[in-house]
Amino acid sequence: MATFAVTYAYSDSTSAGRDVVRPVHVEFLKSQFEDGRLLKSGPFGPEEAPGALLIIAGDSKADVESLMDQDPFHKAGLIEERTVRQWNIFFGADTTVPAEQPAVQPAAQN
């Protein structure tokens, strides 16, 4: 499986809707985390534009897009913009790679 960086951008006008849908959104993300698909996620900081970053394991970009189409935030039209980009991890790969994929080991130093 490859690793993908998914970004969400939210509009301030959807804040109330996100508050309503958030419990099922969190349950969806929790189930993806437990299944090993969601590796890391979280909202951007308070000084940033509203949004979130999700690191997802997937077979392809289309696979990840299909999965994220199931997110209740997406289904409710609460995401202003979503990007899905394959992410090739070099440093820290061992902390974000799904269990079935071996981490890349750094070359030995002489």
Protein backbone atom coordinates (compact mmCIF):
# COMPACT_ATOMS: atom_id res chain seq x y z
CA MET A 1 0.00 0.00 0.00
CA ALA A 2 1.06 3.55 -0.69
CA THR A 3 0.65 6.53 1.63
CA PHE A 4 -1.48 9.55 0.74
CA ALA A 5 -1.80 13.03 2.26
CA VAL A 6 -5.39 14.22 2.23
CA THR A 7 -6.14 17.84 3.04
CA TYR A 8 -9.52 19.31 3.84
CA ALA A 9 -10.31 23.01 3.65
CA TYR A 10 -13.44 24.22 5.41
CA SER A 11 -15.46 27.36 4.98
CA ASP A 12 -16.33 29.39 8.08
CA SER A 13 -19.95 29.14 6.93
CA THR A 14 -19.99 25.37 7.55
CA SER A 15 -18.81 25.56 11.17
CA ALA A 16 -22.26 24.88 12.66
CA GLY A 17 -22.85 21.98 10.28
CA ARG A 18 -19.49 20.45 11.13
CA ASP A 19 -20.37 20.65 14.83
CA VAL A 20 -23.57 18.68 14.15
CA VAL A 21 -21.93 16.03 11.93
CA ARG A 22 -18.64 15.78 13.87
CA PRO A 23 -19.65 12.78 16.05
CA VAL A 24 -20.31 10.54 13.01
CA HIS A 25 -17.27 11.99 11.21
CA VAL A 26 -15.11 11.01 14.20
CA GLU A 27 -16.64 7.51 14.27
CA PHE A 28 -15.87 7.12 10.56
CA LEU A 29 -12.25 8.19 11.11
CA LYS A 30 -11.96 5.95 14.18
CA SER A 31 -13.10 2.94 12.15
CA GLN A 32 -10.53 3.75 9.43
CA PHE A 33 -7.82 4.07 12.08
CA GLU A 34 -8.76 0.72 13.62
CA ASP A 35 -8.71 -0.88 10.14
CA GLY A 36 -5.20 0.49 9.55
CA ARG A 37 -6.20 2.84 6.72
CA LEU A 38 -6.01 6.12 8.67
CA LEU A 39 -2.47 6.51 9.92
CA LYS A 40 -2.54 10.06 11.34
CA SER A 41 -5.05 12.90 11.30
CA GLY A 42 -5.98 16.15 12.92
CA PRO A 43 -7.19 19.70 12.35
CA PHE A 44 -4.88 22.57 11.54
CA GLY A 45 -4.03 24.95 14.39
CA PRO A 46 -6.19 27.86 15.52
CA GLU A 47 -4.05 30.43 13.65
CA GLU A 48 -4.47 28.54 10.34
CA ALA A 49 -7.33 28.53 7.87
CA PRO A 50 -9.93 25.94 8.92
CA GLY A 51 -9.03 22.47 7.67
CA ALA A 52 -7.38 19.17 8.44
CA LEU A 53 -4.64 16.80 7.33
CA LEU A 54 -5.22 13.05 7.11
CA ILE A 55 -2.55 10.48 6.26
CA ILE A 56 -4.19 7.49 4.59
CA ALA A 57 -2.88 4.12 3.37
CA GLY A 58 -4.31 3.09 0.04
CA ASP A 59 -3.77 1.05 -3.10
CA SER A 60 -4.19 4.09 -5.36
CA LYS A 61 -5.34 7.69 -5.42
CA ALA A 62 -8.73 6.52 -6.70
CA ASP A 63 -8.97 4.06 -3.79
CA VAL A 64 -8.32 6.84 -1.25
CA GLU A 65 -10.74 9.23 -2.99
CA SER A 66 -13.43 6.54 -2.88
CA LEU A 67 -12.78 5.93 0.82
CA MET A 68 -12.87 9.63 1.67
CA ASP A 69 -16.10 10.07 -0.30
CA GLN A 70 -17.64 8.03 2.53
CA ASP A 71 -16.61 10.60 5.18
CA PRO A 72 -19.78 12.11 6.67
CA PHE A 73 -18.23 15.60 6.29
CA HIS A 74 -17.94 14.94 2.54
CA LYS A 75 -21.43 13.44 2.27
CA ALA A 76 -22.90 16.49 4.04
CA GLY A 77 -21.08 18.93 1.74
CA LEU A 78 -19.02 20.42 4.58
CA ILE A 79 -15.62 20.26 2.86
CA GLU A 80 -14.91 23.28 0.67
CA GLU A 81 -11.85 21.71 -0.97
CA ARG A 82 -10.20 18.31 -0.72
CA THR A 83 -6.84 17.27 -2.11
CA VAL A 84 -5.45 13.74 -2.29
CA ARG A 85 -1.76 13.40 -3.07
CA GLN A 86 0.53 10.40 -2.90
CA TRP A 87 3.20 11.00 -0.28
CA ASN A 88 6.54 9.24 -0.44
CA ILE A 89 7.90 9.18 3.11
CA PHE A 90 11.67 9.21 3.66
CA PHE A 91 12.20 10.25 7.29
CA GLY A 92 9.97 8.73 9.94
CA ALA A 93 8.60 6.11 7.56
CA ASP A 94 8.59 3.49 10.30
CA THR A 95 5.97 5.44 12.29
CA THR A 96 3.45 5.88 9.48
CA VAL A 97 3.77 2.79 7.29
CA PRO A 98 0.96 0.21 7.62
CA ALA A 99 2.03 -2.93 9.50
CA GLU A 100 2.09 -5.17 6.42
CA GLN A 101 4.58 -2.90 4.60
CA PRO A 102 8.15 -2.99 5.93
CA ALA A 103 9.67 0.38 6.74
CA VAL A 104 12.58 1.59 4.65
CA GLN A 105 15.77 1.28 6.67
CA PRO A 106 18.37 4.06 6.37
CA ALA A 107 21.67 3.11 4.74
CA ALA A 108 24.44 2.21 7.17
CA GLN A 109 26.92 4.99 7.78
CA ASN A 110 30.63 4.25 7.52
